[in-house]
């Protein structure tokens, strides 16, 4: 190599020697031996590297190891870091490992192991009087390791971020196709997924977390923290299989089902109800939800129905939890405008001036007509409940104790709430 092409050295730099031979020359002379030793150490220490194809180990990985040893030799010779293009290569190589699915700890540990092998080899070659050179080499190795680790980490995370962004976009495209009612097979393939036999469509209404109203807390930050916890729990409960579009106040979730909705067992709805309850606990805020299930072509209609059921549950003051149309059949039907609804609501018109009577009736109906339950819920004596029920019968002409009147009273309360909403 001509002198003008040789790498410049740091002013005053003295190449450390091992056994009287410049350390960089020793590294280059032992290059094939060092490459074999590094590869053997990697395969011995890292199970993920043992699962790589043999041709990749003997080809790309061997060439990469040789390049790293040459870069180390250059640093030893010049006292300077490797050139920028070397660390560009490190980033690119780490990005390929990310794309292949290797964990970050294994990728970074591989660089540590490679330099450890080189250090152990050099210390074995050292003799008396080489301590100063070894100290210089040790500092160079640490500097080189720091730069290589930073470059590898940056390349790995950049690739992972790109992969996550692409996966997120593909999953959103699949969600959009299902909600638009368009064929979704191609969108599912791009997302690396298979269309499920059916989907549970959940629409969520999430209340505020107390932090969102604290004077010394940023409301936006508190809302995002709540949303992050909700998403994490949802991902955990659905094994990251759900498709969702969520904001801090709620949104929509599609949960893949293992069977067609017509064959869906009741236990699956119980599981989904538990999922909604768990997300509420994680978010630290009540969650009111509605659900419907459909095969892929019917997801759009199921979503529309779920939103209607959520509106009904909200209008009728239902407590947090998951509701289906079957849970709100009467309320749903009475929420549809018609000639009968205002007339049904008028049946309990005489109770409007006596708020405690309407509250008592509502509580009594919701509690399964159990007077002791009604008394406990309203903190009353059971005899007081009996008196109020008799007053209701006297004012409306409908007796809650008479089966024939019970249905009309139930419908009247539902119609009254629908009219008010």
Protein backbone atom coordinates (compact mmCIF):
# COMPACT_ATOMS: atom_id res chain seq x y z
CA UNK A 1 0.00 0.00 0.00
CA UNK A 2 1.42 3.43 -0.93
CA UNK A 3 2.17 5.82 1.90
CA UNK A 4 -0.42 8.42 0.81
CA UNK A 5 -3.21 5.79 1.08
CA UNK A 6 -2.23 4.65 4.58
CA UNK A 7 -4.58 5.75 7.38
CA UNK A 8 -3.39 8.79 9.25
CA UNK A 9 -2.33 8.29 12.85
CA UNK A 10 -3.12 10.43 15.85
CA UNK A 11 -0.24 12.79 16.53
CA UNK A 12 2.04 11.25 19.13
CA UNK A 13 0.30 7.89 18.86
CA UNK A 14 2.44 4.82 19.49
CA UNK A 15 1.04 1.54 18.26
CA UNK A 16 0.89 -0.85 21.22
CA UNK A 17 2.95 -4.00 20.81
CA UNK A 18 2.38 -7.54 21.96
CA UNK A 19 5.47 -9.70 22.22
CA UNK A 20 7.43 -7.06 20.34
CA UNK A 21 5.03 -7.09 17.36
CA UNK A 22 2.56 -4.24 16.64
CA UNK A 23 -0.83 -5.39 17.95
CA UNK A 24 -2.64 -4.53 14.70
CA UNK A 25 -0.29 -6.82 12.76
CA UNK A 26 -0.88 -9.63 15.23
CA UNK A 27 -4.68 -9.22 14.80
CA UNK A 28 -4.51 -9.28 11.02
CA UNK A 29 -2.09 -12.23 10.94
CA UNK A 30 -4.48 -14.25 13.11
CA UNK A 31 -7.61 -13.13 11.25
CA UNK A 32 -8.86 -16.59 10.11
CA UNK A 33 -8.23 -18.03 13.58
CA UNK A 34 -10.02 -15.14 15.28
CA UNK A 35 -13.05 -15.37 12.97
CA UNK A 36 -13.43 -19.08 13.74
CA UNK A 37 -13.03 -18.45 17.47
CA UNK A 38 -15.62 -15.62 17.49
CA UNK A 39 -18.17 -17.69 15.54
CA UNK A 40 -17.67 -20.66 17.87
CA UNK A 41 -18.16 -18.42 20.92
CA UNK A 42 -21.32 -16.88 19.45
CA UNK A 43 -22.88 -20.26 18.70
CA UNK A 44 -21.93 -21.54 22.15
CA UNK A 45 -23.26 -18.55 24.11
CA UNK A 46 -26.30 -17.45 22.08
CA UNK A 47 -29.09 -19.97 21.33
CA UNK A 48 -30.69 -17.56 18.83
CA UNK A 49 -27.50 -17.57 16.75
CA UNK A 50 -27.40 -21.38 16.82
CA UNK A 51 -30.77 -21.36 15.07
CA UNK A 52 -29.48 -19.30 12.15
CA UNK A 53 -29.01 -21.14 8.83
CA UNK A 54 -25.53 -22.61 8.52
CA UNK A 55 -24.90 -20.83 5.24
CA UNK A 56 -25.64 -17.52 6.97
CA UNK A 57 -23.17 -18.30 9.77
CA UNK A 58 -20.42 -19.39 7.37
CA UNK A 59 -21.18 -16.60 4.92
CA UNK A 60 -22.61 -13.28 6.08
CA UNK A 61 -21.75 -13.71 9.77
CA UNK A 62 -18.17 -14.76 9.01
CA UNK A 63 -17.66 -11.81 6.67
CA UNK A 64 -19.16 -9.43 9.22
CA UNK A 65 -16.85 -10.79 11.94
CA UNK A 66 -13.80 -10.40 9.69
CA UNK A 67 -14.78 -6.80 8.97
CA UNK A 68 -15.12 -6.04 12.68
CA UNK A 69 -11.66 -7.46 13.43
CA UNK A 70 -10.16 -5.41 10.60
CA UNK A 71 -11.88 -2.28 11.96
CA UNK A 72 -10.44 -3.04 15.40
CA UNK A 73 -6.96 -3.49 13.89
CA UNK A 74 -7.29 -0.13 12.16
CA UNK A 75 -8.22 1.56 15.44
CA UNK A 76 -5.20 -0.05 17.09
CA UNK A 77 -2.93 1.13 14.26
CA UNK A 78 -4.20 4.73 14.12
CA UNK A 79 -5.51 5.40 17.60
CA UNK A 80 -8.70 6.71 15.98
CA UNK A 81 -12.24 5.33 15.79
CA UNK A 82 -13.28 3.40 12.72
CA UNK A 83 -14.56 5.60 9.87
CA UNK A 84 -18.24 6.54 9.67
CA UNK A 85 -18.93 4.04 6.89
CA UNK A 86 -17.91 1.23 9.24
CA UNK A 87 -20.55 2.21 11.77
CA UNK A 88 -23.06 2.62 8.93
CA UNK A 89 -22.38 -1.03 8.16
CA UNK A 90 -22.87 -1.90 11.83
CA UNK A 91 -26.29 -0.18 11.80
CA UNK A 92 -27.29 -1.96 8.59
CA UNK A 93 -26.26 -5.35 9.95
CA UNK A 94 -28.19 -4.78 13.19
CA UNK A 95 -31.23 -3.75 11.13
CA UNK A 96 -31.08 -7.09 9.29
CA UNK A 97 -30.99 -8.92 12.62
CA UNK A 98 -34.06 -6.95 13.72
CA UNK A 99 -35.87 -7.88 10.51
CA UNK A 100 -34.98 -11.54 11.09
CA UNK A 101 -36.51 -11.36 14.55
CA UNK A 102 -33.38 -11.75 16.67
CA UNK A 103 -33.74 -10.12 20.11
CA UNK A 104 -31.80 -6.93 20.76
CA UNK A 105 -29.94 -8.35 23.77
CA UNK A 106 -28.49 -11.13 21.60
CA UNK A 107 -27.43 -8.67 18.87
CA UNK A 108 -25.62 -6.42 21.34
CA UNK A 109 -24.12 -9.33 23.26
CA UNK A 110 -22.67 -10.68 20.02
CA UNK A 111 -20.50 -7.55 19.72
CA UNK A 112 -19.34 -7.93 23.32
CA UNK A 113 -18.46 -11.58 22.78
CA UNK A 114 -16.51 -10.81 19.59
CA UNK A 115 -14.34 -8.22 21.31
CA UNK A 116 -13.90 -10.45 24.38
CA UNK A 117 -12.53 -13.21 22.15
CA UNK A 118 -10.07 -10.76 20.57
CA UNK A 119 -9.00 -9.47 23.99
CA UNK A 120 -8.52 -12.97 25.41
CA UNK A 121 -6.46 -13.94 22.37
CA UNK A 122 -4.18 -10.89 22.71
CA UNK A 123 -3.62 -11.42 26.43
CA UNK A 124 -2.51 -14.98 25.68
CA UNK A 125 0.09 -13.65 23.24
CA UNK A 126 1.43 -11.11 25.74
CA UNK A 127 4.69 -11.56 27.57
CA UNK A 128 6.63 -9.76 30.26
CA UNK A 129 6.77 -6.04 29.72
CA UNK A 130 3.55 -5.90 27.64
CA UNK A 131 1.38 -4.50 30.44
CA UNK A 132 1.44 -0.88 29.14
CA UNK A 133 0.44 -2.10 25.67
CA UNK A 134 -2.37 -4.21 27.12
CA UNK A 135 -3.72 -1.24 29.07
CA UNK A 136 -3.76 0.84 25.89
CA UNK A 137 -5.46 -1.99 24.01
CA UNK A 138 -8.06 -2.36 26.75
CA UNK A 139 -9.00 1.31 26.49
CA UNK A 140 -9.21 1.04 22.69
CA UNK A 141 -11.45 -2.01 22.95
CA UNK A 142 -13.81 -0.25 25.36
CA UNK A 143 -14.00 2.82 23.10
CA UNK A 144 -14.63 0.61 20.08
CA UNK A 145 -17.27 -1.40 21.95
CA UNK A 146 -19.08 1.77 23.03
CA UNK A 147 -19.26 3.05 19.44
CA UNK A 148 -20.27 -0.29 17.96
CA UNK A 149 -22.96 -0.85 20.60
CA UNK A 150 -24.45 2.60 20.00
CA UNK A 151 -24.50 2.07 16.23
CA UNK A 152 -26.00 -1.42 16.51
CA UNK A 153 -28.70 -0.27 18.92
CA UNK A 154 -29.62 2.66 16.67
CA UNK A 155 -29.83 0.46 13.57
CA UNK A 156 -31.89 -2.17 15.38
CA UNK A 157 -34.42 0.30 16.80
CA UNK A 158 -34.75 2.18 13.52
CA UNK A 159 -35.66 -1.04 11.73
CA UNK A 160 -38.04 -2.11 14.49
CA UNK A 161 -39.77 1.28 14.39
CA UNK A 162 -40.17 0.95 10.63
CA UNK A 163 -41.56 -2.56 11.04
CA UNK A 164 -44.00 -1.41 13.74
CA UNK A 165 -45.15 1.52 11.61
CA UNK A 166 -45.71 -0.74 8.61
CA UNK A 167 -47.52 -3.33 10.72
CA UNK A 168 -49.68 -0.62 12.30
CA UNK A 169 -50.58 0.80 8.87
CA UNK A 170 -51.41 -2.67 7.51
CA UNK A 171 -53.61 -3.51 10.52
CA UNK A 172 -55.40 -0.17 10.20
CA UNK A 173 -56.01 -0.91 6.53
CA UNK A 174 -57.56 -4.26 7.49
CA UNK A 175 -59.71 -2.57 10.14
CA UNK A 176 -60.84 0.00 7.58
CA UNK A 177 -61.74 -2.66 5.01
CA UNK A 178 -63.83 -4.58 7.56
CA UNK A 179 -65.64 -1.44 8.70
CA UNK A 180 -66.24 -0.33 5.11
CA UNK A 181 -67.76 -3.70 4.26
CA UNK A 182 -65.26 -4.26 1.43
CA UNK A 183 -63.40 -7.54 0.74
CA UNK A 184 -60.66 -7.76 3.37
CA UNK A 185 -58.64 -10.83 2.34
CA UNK A 186 -55.95 -8.82 0.58
CA UNK A 187 -55.67 -6.34 3.46
CA UNK A 188 -55.36 -9.24 5.92
CA UNK A 189 -52.56 -10.77 3.86
CA UNK A 190 -50.65 -7.46 3.83
CA UNK A 191 -51.00 -7.32 7.61
CA UNK A 192 -49.65 -10.86 7.91
CA UNK A 193 -52.98 -12.06 9.31
CA UNK A 194 -55.73 -14.44 8.32
CA UNK A 195 -59.33 -13.33 8.42
CA UNK A 196 -61.08 -14.78 11.44
CA UNK A 197 -64.36 -16.71 11.06
CA UNK A 198 -65.98 -13.87 12.96
CA UNK A 199 -65.27 -10.72 14.93
CA UNK A 200 -66.67 -9.35 18.15
CA UNK A 201 -67.21 -5.63 17.62
CA UNK A 202 -66.82 -3.71 20.87
CA UNK A 203 -67.44 0.03 21.12
CA UNK A 204 -66.15 1.64 24.30
CA UNK A 205 -67.05 4.80 26.15
CA UNK A 206 -64.29 5.59 28.68
CA UNK A 207 -64.90 8.03 31.50
CA UNK A 208 -62.27 10.48 32.69
CA UNK A 209 -59.59 9.41 35.12
CA UNK A 210 -59.50 11.53 38.31
CA UNK A 211 -56.10 12.86 37.23
CA UNK A 212 -57.75 14.46 34.19
CA UNK A 213 -59.49 16.87 36.57
CA UNK A 214 -56.63 17.49 39.00
CA UNK A 215 -55.54 21.12 39.02
CA UNK A 216 -51.81 20.42 39.01
CA UNK A 217 -51.90 17.69 36.32
CA UNK A 218 -51.76 18.13 32.55
CA UNK A 219 -55.12 16.82 31.33
CA UNK A 220 -53.69 15.65 28.00
CA UNK A 221 -50.87 13.71 29.64
CA UNK A 222 -53.27 12.09 32.11
CA UNK A 223 -55.57 11.05 29.25
CA UNK A 224 -52.73 9.53 27.28
CA UNK A 225 -51.48 7.61 30.31
CA UNK A 226 -55.00 6.25 30.83
CA UNK A 227 -55.21 5.24 27.17
CA UNK A 228 -51.79 3.57 27.26
CA UNK A 229 -52.79 1.44 30.25
CA UNK A 230 -56.10 0.51 28.61
CA UNK A 231 -54.36 -0.51 25.37
CA UNK A 232 -51.76 -2.56 27.22
CA UNK A 233 -54.44 -4.51 29.08
CA UNK A 234 -56.45 -5.00 25.89
CA UNK A 235 -53.37 -6.33 24.09
CA UNK A 236 -52.64 -8.65 27.00
CA UNK A 237 -56.18 -9.99 27.13
CA UNK A 238 -56.46 -10.52 23.37
CA UNK A 239 -52.85 -11.65 22.84
CA UNK A 240 -52.23 -8.64 20.59
CA UNK A 241 -54.79 -9.96 18.10
CA UNK A 242 -57.38 -7.17 18.40
CA UNK A 243 -57.74 -4.43 15.80
CA UNK A 244 -58.60 -1.10 17.37
CA UNK A 245 -58.96 2.62 16.93
CA UNK A 246 -58.97 4.23 20.35
CA UNK A 247 -58.78 7.64 21.95
CA UNK A 248 -58.78 8.65 25.60
CA UNK A 249 -62.60 8.76 25.66
CA UNK A 250 -63.15 5.41 23.93
CA UNK A 251 -63.32 3.93 20.46
CA UNK A 252 -63.83 0.69 18.61
CA UNK A 253 -62.20 -2.75 18.95
CA UNK A 254 -62.48 -5.83 16.73
CA UNK A 255 -61.63 -9.05 18.56
CA UNK A 256 -61.07 -12.09 16.29
CA UNK A 257 -63.23 -15.07 17.15
CA UNK A 258 -62.28 -18.69 16.70
CA UNK A 259 -65.72 -19.62 15.41
CA UNK A 260 -68.60 -18.15 13.47
CA UNK A 261 -70.85 -15.86 15.53
CA UNK A 262 -73.78 -18.25 15.12
CA UNK A 263 -71.74 -20.89 16.97
CA UNK A 264 -70.30 -18.53 19.58
CA UNK A 265 -70.74 -19.92 23.11
CA UNK A 266 -72.06 -17.71 25.88
CA UNK A 267 -68.80 -18.24 27.74
CA UNK A 268 -67.02 -16.21 25.05
CA UNK A 269 -69.21 -13.20 25.80
CA UNK A 270 -68.44 -13.65 29.49
CA UNK A 271 -64.73 -13.58 28.61
CA UNK A 272 -65.20 -10.39 26.59
CA UNK A 273 -67.12 -8.86 29.49
CA UNK A 274 -64.21 -9.73 31.78
CA UNK A 275 -61.87 -8.10 29.25
CA UNK A 276 -63.86 -4.86 29.35
CA UNK A 277 -63.84 -4.92 33.16
CA UNK A 278 -60.08 -5.52 33.19
CA UNK A 279 -59.42 -2.61 30.81
CA UNK A 280 -61.49 -0.37 33.08
CA UNK A 281 -59.41 -1.38 36.10
CA UNK A 282 -56.19 -0.81 34.18
CA UNK A 283 -57.35 2.57 32.93
CA UNK A 284 -58.56 3.59 36.37
CA UNK A 285 -61.82 4.82 34.84
CA UNK A 286 -65.30 3.33 34.27
CA UNK A 287 -65.88 1.81 30.83
CA UNK A 288 -69.33 1.43 29.30
CA UNK A 289 -69.26 -0.86 26.27
CA UNK A 290 -71.56 -2.46 23.73
CA UNK A 291 -70.86 -5.46 21.56
CA UNK A 292 -72.11 -7.36 18.55
CA UNK A 293 -70.60 -10.22 16.55
CA UNK A 294 -70.50 -10.87 12.83
CA UNK A 295 -68.65 -12.68 10.09
CA UNK A 296 -66.20 -10.44 8.16
CA UNK A 297 -68.74 -9.18 5.56
CA UNK A 298 -71.12 -8.17 8.35
CA UNK A 299 -68.67 -6.28 10.57
CA UNK A 300 -69.84 -2.87 9.33
CA UNK A 301 -73.47 -3.60 10.23
CA UNK A 302 -72.41 -5.08 13.60
CA UNK A 303 -70.46 -1.91 14.38
CA UNK A 304 -73.49 0.26 13.59
CA UNK A 305 -75.64 -1.90 15.88
CA UNK A 306 -73.05 -1.79 18.67
CA UNK A 307 -73.00 2.01 18.55
CA UNK A 308 -76.80 2.07 18.80
CA UNK A 309 -76.75 -0.29 21.77
CA UNK A 310 -74.11 1.87 23.46
CA UNK A 311 -76.32 4.93 22.97
CA UNK A 312 -79.26 3.08 24.52
CA UNK A 313 -77.18 1.87 27.50
CA UNK A 314 -75.95 5.41 28.06
CA UNK A 315 -79.42 6.94 27.69
CA UNK A 316 -80.93 4.50 30.20
CA UNK A 317 -78.16 5.07 32.73
CA UNK A 318 -76.84 1.54 32.72
CA UNK A 319 -73.78 0.99 34.95
CA UNK A 320 -70.33 0.32 33.43
CA UNK A 321 -69.87 -3.03 31.72
CA UNK A 322 -70.46 -4.76 28.40
CA UNK A 323 -73.97 -4.88 26.91
CA UNK A 324 -75.43 -6.65 23.91
CA UNK A 325 -78.74 -6.12 22.18
CA UNK A 326 -80.15 -9.10 24.11
CA UNK A 327 -79.42 -7.25 27.36
CA UNK A 328 -81.41 -4.18 26.26
CA UNK A 329 -84.13 -5.52 23.99
CA UNK A 330 -86.99 -3.57 25.57
CA UNK A 331 -84.96 -0.38 26.00
CA UNK A 332 -83.66 -0.63 22.43
CA UNK A 333 -87.10 -1.10 20.96
CA UNK A 334 -88.57 1.72 23.02
CA UNK A 335 -85.75 4.01 21.92
CA UNK A 336 -87.12 3.78 18.38
CA UNK A 337 -89.56 6.65 17.77
CA UNK A 338 -93.21 5.63 17.46
CA UNK A 339 -96.76 6.49 18.46
CA UNK A 340 -96.77 4.12 21.44
CA UNK A 341 -93.69 5.44 23.22
CA UNK A 342 -95.02 8.74 24.58
CA UNK A 343 -98.28 7.06 25.59
CA UNK A 344 -96.35 4.39 27.48
CA UNK A 345 -94.30 7.06 29.21
CA UNK A 346 -97.51 8.85 30.20
CA UNK A 347 -98.61 5.83 32.24
CA UNK A 348 -96.26 6.88 35.02
CA UNK A 349 -96.86 10.61 34.50
CA UNK A 350 -98.54 10.91 37.93
CA UNK A 351 -95.21 9.97 39.56
CA UNK A 352 -93.31 12.96 38.14
CA UNK A 353 -94.24 15.17 41.08
CA UNK A 354 -93.07 12.57 43.60
CA UNK A 355 -89.49 11.79 42.68
CA UNK A 356 -89.01 9.28 45.50
CA UNK A 357 -91.83 7.14 44.07
CA UNK A 358 -90.27 6.95 40.60
CA UNK A 359 -86.88 6.13 42.14
CA UNK A 360 -88.47 3.45 44.29
CA UNK A 361 -90.25 1.92 41.30
CA UNK A 362 -87.10 1.93 39.18
CA UNK A 363 -85.04 0.35 41.98
CA UNK A 364 -87.73 -2.24 42.72
CA UNK A 365 -87.95 -3.31 39.07
CA UNK A 366 -84.15 -3.47 38.69
CA UNK A 367 -83.84 -5.53 41.90
CA UNK A 368 -86.17 -8.30 40.77
CA UNK A 369 -89.17 -7.07 42.86
CA UNK A 370 -87.40 -7.98 46.11
CA UNK A 371 -88.65 -5.52 48.74
CA UNK A 372 -85.70 -6.14 51.08
CA UNK A 373 -83.25 -5.45 48.22
CA UNK A 374 -85.16 -2.25 47.42
CA UNK A 375 -85.13 -1.22 51.07
CA UNK A 376 -81.38 -1.84 51.41
CA UNK A 377 -80.58 -0.03 48.14
CA UNK A 378 -82.57 3.05 49.20
CA UNK A 379 -81.72 2.82 52.92
CA UNK A 380 -85.38 2.47 53.85
CA UNK A 381 -87.40 0.26 56.15
CA UNK A 382 -89.24 -2.51 54.21
CA UNK A 383 -92.55 -1.13 55.48
CA UNK A 384 -91.70 2.20 53.82
CA UNK A 385 -91.12 0.37 50.55
CA UNK A 386 -94.52 -1.30 50.88
CA UNK A 387 -96.17 2.08 51.51
CA UNK A 388 -94.52 3.64 48.43
CA UNK A 389 -95.52 0.71 46.21
CA UNK A 390 -99.14 1.14 47.35
CA UNK A 391 -98.91 4.87 46.54
CA UNK A 392 -97.59 4.03 43.05
CA UNK A 393 -100.55 1.70 42.47
CA UNK A 394 -102.99 4.35 43.70
CA UNK A 395 -101.58 7.12 41.49
CA UNK A 396 -101.07 5.14 38.28
CA UNK A 397 -103.71 2.43 38.56
CA UNK A 398 -100.91 -0.10 37.93
CA UNK A 399 -99.89 -2.37 40.81
CA UNK A 400 -96.25 -3.62 40.78
CA UNK A 401 -97.43 -6.70 42.67
CA UNK A 402 -99.84 -7.68 39.87
CA UNK A 403 -98.17 -9.66 37.02
CA UNK A 404 -100.54 -8.17 34.46
CA UNK A 405 -99.45 -4.64 35.42
CA UNK A 406 -95.77 -5.41 35.84
CA UNK A 407 -94.97 -5.54 32.11
CA UNK A 408 -96.76 -2.22 31.51
CA UNK A 409 -94.89 -0.56 34.36
CA UNK A 410 -91.54 -1.87 33.09
CA UNK A 411 -92.28 -0.62 29.59
CA UNK A 412 -93.52 2.70 30.95
CA UNK A 413 -90.26 3.32 32.84
CA UNK A 414 -88.22 2.42 29.77
CA UNK A 415 -90.33 4.66 27.53
CA UNK A 416 -90.06 7.50 30.08
CA UNK A 417 -86.24 7.22 30.04
CA UNK A 418 -86.19 7.07 26.25
CA UNK A 419 -88.39 10.14 25.95
CA UNK A 420 -86.21 12.00 28.43
CA UNK A 421 -83.03 11.00 26.56
